[in-house]
Structures are given as C-alpha cells and as structure tokens.
C-alpha cells in the first residue's frame, strides 16, 4: 500500500506540472523547452543538417545499390562460369565415354585377334604333332621291317646252313659271281 502511495506521489510531481504562471514567460519551463526546441530546429536547418543527412542517406542508398549491382553481376558471372564448367564437365564426360568405348572396342579386337592367333597356333601344333606321329610311325614301320628282314636273314642263314653242303655252297658262290659279272658288264 505504501508503494502505491509513493508511485502516485511521483506521478503527480512530474515536470509537466512544475510550470506555473503565464506560458510566454521565461519562468515557465514549458515555454523555455519549446523555445529551445525551436532554436534547435532552426540551427539544424541553418547548418543544412537535414540536407546533409539526406545526402548521406542518398549516398548510402547509392552505395548499397552499387553493391547490389556488383553482387548481381558477380552472381551472373558465377552462374556463367558454373554453366561453362558444367558444359566442360559434360564434354569431358562424353570424351571419357568415347575413350572407354574405343578402349572396349580395341580390347575386343585384340581379344578376337588373340583368339584367332591361338587357333592358328593350335592348328600348327596339331599339324606338327601329326607330322611327328607320322614320322614316328614311319620310323617304327622301318624298324619293324628292318627287324623282320634281320630275323628273316638270320632264319634263312640258319636254315641254309643246316641244309647246305659244301659242294652246294660252292655252286651258289659260283652262280652269284657269274650273276655279278653279267650285271657289271
């Protein structure tokens, strides 16, 4: 309650109620404040403060406008650079795709060529193996024939040696010599 009474007393003793007497008197504080305010306004207009403030605000607005224009220009330049880089990136990607495709085709061609060369090599090796087999077969046939001839000669020798007498051997030798003489002359 006491705080309420103090608040009311303070409000009642405000400066607005301090003035007493006629308004156009130097003792009236309201008049002095009004005169001070009017004098302040006159001084402001005399020194062209509103114009200076206006110029400063205009300059500030122009500076902000220039900065916005520069920012807009920088943004447009950045967008054009970005578009340029995106085009370049797309071109590089297309070039990379072409390189990969060419490499794939080259690899397929090399693989096909290697496959063809392998087939030729296998054919050559098969032919060489068949030649070796036929050569080995011919050698084996020769060896068997030679062995058969040797066996036949030995067998004939043994048979002839058992059945041949000395006179018959001399007759055979004489016949062989005459045979040789007729063939040589």
C-alpha atoms as a PDB file:
ATOM      1  CA  UNK A   1       0.000   0.000   0.000  1.00  0.00           C
ATOM      2  CA  UNK A   2       2.805   2.313   0.849  1.00  0.00           C
ATOM      3  CA  UNK A   3       4.457   1.611  -2.575  1.00  0.00           C
ATOM      4  CA  UNK A   4       1.223   2.601  -4.289  1.00  0.00           C
ATOM      5  CA  UNK A   5       1.091   5.884  -2.451  1.00  0.00           C
ATOM      6  CA  UNK A   6       4.716   6.613  -3.367  1.00  0.00           C
ATOM      7  CA  UNK A   7       4.044   5.871  -7.051  1.00  0.00           C
ATOM      8  CA  UNK A   8       1.028   8.221  -7.118  1.00  0.00           C
ATOM      9  CA  UNK A   9       3.035  10.992  -5.442  1.00  0.00           C
ATOM     10  CA  UNK A  10       5.829  10.662  -8.005  1.00  0.00           C
ATOM     11  CA  UNK A  11       3.390  10.840 -10.886  1.00  0.00           C
ATOM     12  CA  UNK A  12       1.767  13.948  -9.502  1.00  0.00           C
ATOM     13  CA  UNK A  13       5.141  15.703  -9.134  1.00  0.00           C
ATOM     14  CA  UNK A  14       6.122  15.305 -12.811  1.00  0.00           C
ATOM     15  CA  UNK A  15       7.865  18.152 -14.709  1.00  0.00           C
ATOM     16  CA  UNK A  16       4.729  18.859 -16.689  1.00  0.00           C
ATOM     17  CA  UNK A  17       3.110  20.136 -13.501  1.00  0.00           C
ATOM     18  CA  UNK A  18       6.186  22.127 -12.482  1.00  0.00           C
ATOM     19  CA  UNK A  19       5.314  25.077 -14.720  1.00  0.00           C
ATOM     20  CA  UNK A  20       3.333  27.829 -13.162  1.00  0.00           C
ATOM     21  CA  UNK A  21       2.325  31.252 -14.360  1.00  0.00           C
ATOM     22  CA  UNK A  22       1.818  32.606 -17.889  1.00  0.00           C
ATOM     23  CA  UNK A  23       3.082  30.464 -20.788  1.00  0.00           C
ATOM     24  CA  UNK A  24       5.182  33.210 -22.510  1.00  0.00           C
ATOM     25  CA  UNK A  25       7.279  33.895 -19.501  1.00  0.00           C
ATOM     26  CA  UNK A  26      10.946  32.942 -19.036  1.00  0.00           C
ATOM     27  CA  UNK A  27       9.964  31.471 -15.726  1.00  0.00           C
ATOM     28  CA  UNK A  28       7.674  28.954 -17.438  1.00  0.00           C
ATOM     29  CA  UNK A  29       9.710  25.808 -18.180  1.00  0.00           C
ATOM     30  CA  UNK A  30       7.313  24.655 -20.870  1.00  0.00           C
ATOM     31  CA  UNK A  31       7.971  27.875 -22.803  1.00  0.00           C
ATOM     32  CA  UNK A  32      11.766  27.522 -22.339  1.00  0.00           C
ATOM     33  CA  UNK A  33      11.702  23.932 -23.592  1.00  0.00           C
ATOM     34  CA  UNK A  34       9.583  24.948 -26.592  1.00  0.00           C
ATOM     35  CA  UNK A  35      11.963  27.835 -27.379  1.00  0.00           C
ATOM     36  CA  UNK A  36      14.974  25.516 -27.045  1.00  0.00           C
ATOM     37  CA  UNK A  37      13.359  23.001 -29.358  1.00  0.00           C
ATOM     38  CA  UNK A  38      12.505  25.661 -31.984  1.00  0.00           C
ATOM     39  CA  UNK A  39      16.036  27.075 -31.721  1.00  0.00           C
ATOM     40  CA  UNK A  40      17.483  23.587 -32.156  1.00  0.00           C
ATOM     41  CA  UNK A  41      15.355  23.037 -35.280  1.00  0.00           C
ATOM     42  CA  UNK A  42      16.443  26.432 -36.689  1.00  0.00           C
ATOM     43  CA  UNK A  43      20.116  25.606 -36.071  1.00  0.00           C
ATOM     44  CA  UNK A  44      19.633  22.267 -37.792  1.00  0.00           C
ATOM     45  CA  UNK A  45      18.109  23.978 -40.847  1.00  0.00           C
ATOM     46  CA  UNK A  46      20.688  26.797 -40.802  1.00  0.00           C
ATOM     47  CA  UNK A  47      23.580  24.352 -40.988  1.00  0.00           C
ATOM     48  CA  UNK A  48      21.615  22.317 -43.558  1.00  0.00           C
ATOM     49  CA  UNK A  49      21.743  19.179 -41.438  1.00  0.00           C
ATOM     50  CA  UNK A  50      18.579  17.664 -42.998  1.00  0.00           C
ATOM     51  CA  UNK A  51      20.081  18.109 -46.493  1.00  0.00           C
ATOM     52  CA  UNK A  52      23.402  16.682 -45.326  1.00  0.00           C
ATOM     53  CA  UNK A  53      21.622  13.768 -43.691  1.00  0.00           C
ATOM     54  CA  UNK A  54      19.563  13.336 -46.874  1.00  0.00           C
ATOM     55  CA  UNK A  55      22.746  13.393 -48.990  1.00  0.00           C
ATOM     56  CA  UNK A  56      24.389  10.889 -46.659  1.00  0.00           C
ATOM     57  CA  UNK A  57      21.330   8.666 -46.834  1.00  0.00           C
ATOM     58  CA  UNK A  58      21.255   9.038 -50.641  1.00  0.00           C
ATOM     59  CA  UNK A  59      24.969   8.229 -50.814  1.00  0.00           C
ATOM     60  CA  UNK A  60      24.423   5.241 -48.576  1.00  0.00           C
ATOM     61  CA  UNK A  61      21.479   4.151 -50.744  1.00  0.00           C
ATOM     62  CA  UNK A  62      23.624   4.601 -53.890  1.00  0.00           C
ATOM     63  CA  UNK A  63      26.454   2.612 -52.267  1.00  0.00           C
ATOM     64  CA  UNK A  64      24.052  -0.160 -51.336  1.00  0.00           C
ATOM     65  CA  UNK A  65      22.585  -0.064 -54.862  1.00  0.00           C
ATOM     66  CA  UNK A  66      26.108  -0.309 -56.362  1.00  0.00           C
ATOM     67  CA  UNK A  67      26.953  -3.178 -54.045  1.00  0.00           C
ATOM     68  CA  UNK A  68      23.719  -4.937 -55.030  1.00  0.00           C
ATOM     69  CA  UNK A  69      24.506  -4.355 -58.717  1.00  0.00           C
ATOM     70  CA  UNK A  70      28.035  -5.694 -58.206  1.00  0.00           C
ATOM     71  CA  UNK A  71      26.658  -8.659 -56.301  1.00  0.00           C
ATOM     72  CA  UNK A  72      24.124  -9.267 -59.079  1.00  0.00           C
ATOM     73  CA  UNK A  73      26.888  -9.004 -61.717  1.00  0.00           C
ATOM     74  CA  UNK A  74      29.121 -11.334 -59.703  1.00  0.00           C
ATOM     75  CA  UNK A  75      26.233 -13.747 -59.324  1.00  0.00           C
ATOM     76  CA  UNK A  76      25.576 -13.693 -63.075  1.00  0.00           C
ATOM     77  CA  UNK A  77      29.288 -14.156 -63.748  1.00  0.00           C
ATOM     78  CA  UNK A  78      29.416 -17.028 -61.272  1.00  0.00           C
ATOM     79  CA  UNK A  79      26.387 -18.596 -62.957  1.00  0.00           C
ATOM     80  CA  UNK A  80      28.000 -18.251 -66.385  1.00  0.00           C
ATOM     81  CA  UNK A  81      31.247 -19.743 -65.043  1.00  0.00           C
ATOM     82  CA  UNK A  82      29.259 -22.560 -63.440  1.00  0.00           C
ATOM     83  CA  UNK A  83      27.426 -23.179 -66.713  1.00  0.00           C
ATOM     84  CA  UNK A  84      30.770 -23.153 -68.533  1.00  0.00           C
ATOM     85  CA  UNK A  85      32.242 -25.652 -66.100  1.00  0.00           C
ATOM     86  CA  UNK A  86      29.138 -27.816 -66.366  1.00  0.00           C
ATOM     87  CA  UNK A  87      29.473 -27.777 -70.176  1.00  0.00           C
ATOM     88  CA  UNK A  88      33.164 -28.608 -69.885  1.00  0.00           C
ATOM     89  CA  UNK A  89      32.394 -31.372 -67.383  1.00  0.00           C
ATOM     90  CA  UNK A  90      29.769 -32.753 -69.761  1.00  0.00           C
ATOM     91  CA  UNK A  91      32.222 -32.592 -72.681  1.00  0.00           C
ATOM     92  CA  UNK A  92      34.906 -34.292 -70.598  1.00  0.00           C
ATOM     93  CA  UNK A  93      32.407 -36.968 -69.558  1.00  0.00           C
ATOM     94  CA  UNK A  94      31.436 -37.531 -73.196  1.00  0.00           C
ATOM     95  CA  UNK A  95      35.102 -37.696 -74.173  1.00  0.00           C
ATOM     96  CA  UNK A  96      35.772 -40.158 -71.354  1.00  0.00           C
ATOM     97  CA  UNK A  97      32.822 -42.259 -72.555  1.00  0.00           C
ATOM     98  CA  UNK A  98      34.224 -42.214 -76.100  1.00  0.00           C
ATOM     99  CA  UNK A  99      37.670 -43.216 -74.805  1.00  0.00           C
ATOM    100  CA  UNK A 100      36.174 -46.047 -72.767  1.00  0.00           C
ATOM    101  CA  UNK A 101      34.128 -47.219 -75.764  1.00  0.00           C
ATOM    102  CA  UNK A 102      37.191 -47.076 -78.029  1.00  0.00           C
ATOM    103  CA  UNK A 103      39.239 -48.969 -75.448  1.00  0.00           C
ATOM    104  CA  UNK A 104      36.487 -51.574 -75.160  1.00  0.00           C
ATOM    105  CA  UNK A 105      36.374 -51.990 -78.950  1.00  0.00           C
ATOM    106  CA  UNK A 106      40.174 -52.198 -79.094  1.00  0.00           C
ATOM    107  CA  UNK A 107      40.146 -54.794 -76.326  1.00  0.00           C
ATOM    108  CA  UNK A 108      37.520 -56.813 -78.187  1.00  0.00           C
ATOM    109  CA  UNK A 109      39.568 -56.570 -81.398  1.00  0.00           C
ATOM    110  CA  UNK A 110      42.739 -57.616 -79.571  1.00  0.00           C
ATOM    111  CA  UNK A 111      40.853 -60.484 -77.904  1.00  0.00           C
ATOM    112  CA  UNK A 112      39.466 -61.626 -81.260  1.00  0.00           C
ATOM    113  CA  UNK A 113      42.932 -61.394 -82.830  1.00  0.00           C
ATOM    114  CA  UNK A 114      44.468 -63.301 -79.910  1.00  0.00           C
ATOM    115  CA  UNK A 115      41.743 -65.936 -80.231  1.00  0.00           C
ATOM    116  CA  UNK A 116      42.457 -66.230 -83.952  1.00  0.00           C
ATOM    117  CA  UNK A 117      46.216 -66.463 -83.373  1.00  0.00           C
ATOM    118  CA  UNK A 118      45.633 -69.079 -80.673  1.00  0.00           C
ATOM    119  CA  UNK A 119      43.511 -71.096 -83.085  1.00  0.00           C
ATOM    120  CA  UNK A 120      46.284 -70.826 -85.724  1.00  0.00           C
ATOM    121  CA  UNK A 121      48.895 -71.822 -83.148  1.00  0.00           C
ATOM    122  CA  UNK A 122      46.814 -74.817 -82.062  1.00  0.00           C
ATOM    123  CA  UNK A 123      46.381 -75.802 -85.714  1.00  0.00           C
ATOM    124  CA  UNK A 124      50.136 -75.512 -86.320  1.00  0.00           C
ATOM    125  CA  UNK A 125      50.906 -77.523 -83.205  1.00  0.00           C
ATOM    126  CA  UNK A 126      48.365 -80.169 -84.183  1.00  0.00           C
ATOM    127  CA  UNK A 127      49.929 -80.362 -87.661  1.00  0.00           C
ATOM    128  CA  UNK A 128      53.405 -80.598 -86.123  1.00  0.00           C
ATOM    129  CA  UNK A 129      52.193 -83.294 -83.743  1.00  0.00           C
ATOM    130  CA  UNK A 130      50.593 -85.205 -86.632  1.00  0.00           C
ATOM    131  CA  UNK A 131      53.866 -84.890 -88.570  1.00  0.00           C
ATOM    132  CA  UNK A 132      55.797 -86.196 -85.577  1.00  0.00           C
ATOM    133  CA  UNK A 133      53.296 -89.028 -85.186  1.00  0.00           C
ATOM    134  CA  UNK A 134      53.518 -89.980 -88.873  1.00  0.00           C
ATOM    135  CA  UNK A 135      57.309 -89.674 -88.742  1.00  0.00           C
ATOM    136  CA  UNK A 136      57.420 -91.836 -85.619  1.00  0.00           C
ATOM    137  CA  UNK A 137      55.026 -94.300 -87.270  1.00  0.00           C
ATOM    138  CA  UNK A 138      57.229 -94.468 -90.400  1.00  0.00           C
ATOM    139  CA  UNK A 139      60.313 -94.938 -88.226  1.00  0.00           C
ATOM    140  CA  UNK A 140      58.563 -97.659 -86.268  1.00  0.00           C
ATOM    141  CA  UNK A 141      57.497 -99.379 -89.511  1.00  0.00           C
ATOM    142  CA  UNK A 142      61.081 -99.110 -90.791  1.00  0.00           C
ATOM    143  CA  UNK A 143      62.434-100.532 -87.553  1.00  0.00           C
ATOM    144  CA  UNK A 144      59.891-103.367 -87.637  1.00  0.00           C
ATOM    145  CA  UNK A 145      60.703-104.053 -91.327  1.00  0.00           C
ATOM    146  CA  UNK A 146      64.456-103.968 -90.627  1.00  0.00           C
ATOM    147  CA  UNK A 147      63.991-106.247 -87.640  1.00  0.00           C
ATOM    148  CA  UNK A 148      61.827-108.584 -89.749  1.00  0.00           C
ATOM    149  CA  UNK A 149      64.444-108.599 -92.523  1.00  0.00           C
ATOM    150  CA  UNK A 150      67.222-109.266 -89.994  1.00  0.00           C
ATOM    151  CA  UNK A 151      65.211-112.035 -88.417  1.00  0.00           C
ATOM    152  CA  UNK A 152      64.365-113.487 -91.856  1.00  0.00           C
ATOM    153  CA  UNK A 153      68.010-113.313 -92.958  1.00  0.00           C
ATOM    154  CA  UNK A 154      69.184-114.971 -89.750  1.00  0.00           C
ATOM    155  CA  UNK A 155      66.484-117.569 -90.043  1.00  0.00           C
ATOM    156  CA  UNK A 156      67.353-118.186 -93.719  1.00  0.00           C
ATOM    157  CA  UNK A 157      71.031-118.395 -92.833  1.00  0.00           C
ATOM    158  CA  UNK A 158      70.355-120.951 -90.164  1.00  0.00           C
ATOM    159  CA  UNK A 159      68.067-122.934 -92.465  1.00  0.00           C
ATOM    160  CA  UNK A 160      70.541-122.752 -95.326  1.00  0.00           C
ATOM    161  CA  UNK A 161      73.452-123.549 -93.051  1.00  0.00           C
ATOM    162  CA  UNK A 162      71.690-126.645 -91.809  1.00  0.00           C
ATOM    163  CA  UNK A 163      70.592-127.841 -95.211  1.00  0.00           C
ATOM    164  CA  UNK A 164      73.505-126.696 -97.381  1.00  0.00           C
ATOM    165  CA  UNK A 165      76.517-128.883 -98.004  1.00  0.00           C
ATOM    166  CA  UNK A 166      79.958-127.673 -99.091  1.00  0.00           C
ATOM    167  CA  UNK A 167      79.519-128.536-102.794  1.00  0.00           C
ATOM    168  CA  UNK A 168      76.185-126.812-102.963  1.00  0.00           C
ATOM    169  CA  UNK A 169      77.685-123.752-101.256  1.00  0.00           C
ATOM    170  CA  UNK A 170      80.465-123.607-103.858  1.00  0.00           C
ATOM    171  CA  UNK A 171      77.880-123.868-106.651  1.00  0.00           C
ATOM    172  CA  UNK A 172      75.897-120.982-105.121  1.00  0.00           C
ATOM    173  CA  UNK A 173      79.044-118.854-104.796  1.00  0.00           C
ATOM    174  CA  UNK A 174      79.989-119.512-108.440  1.00  0.00           C
ATOM    175  CA  UNK A 175      76.448-118.652-109.560  1.00  0.00           C
ATOM    176  CA  UNK A 176      76.487-115.424-107.553  1.00  0.00           C
ATOM    177  CA  UNK A 177      79.875-114.443-109.053  1.00  0.00           C
ATOM    178  CA  UNK A 178      78.665-115.047-112.601  1.00  0.00           C
ATOM    179  CA  UNK A 179      75.498-113.156-111.816  1.00  0.00           C
ATOM    180  CA  UNK A 180      77.551-110.189-110.619  1.00  0.00           C
ATOM    181  CA  UNK A 181      79.787-110.378-113.765  1.00  0.00           C
ATOM    182  CA  UNK A 182      76.822-110.200-116.087  1.00  0.00           C
ATOM    183  CA  UNK A 183      75.300-107.270-114.238  1.00  0.00           C
ATOM    184  CA  UNK A 184      78.538-105.289-114.072  1.00  0.00           C
ATOM    185  CA  UNK A 185      79.377-105.618-117.819  1.00  0.00           C
END
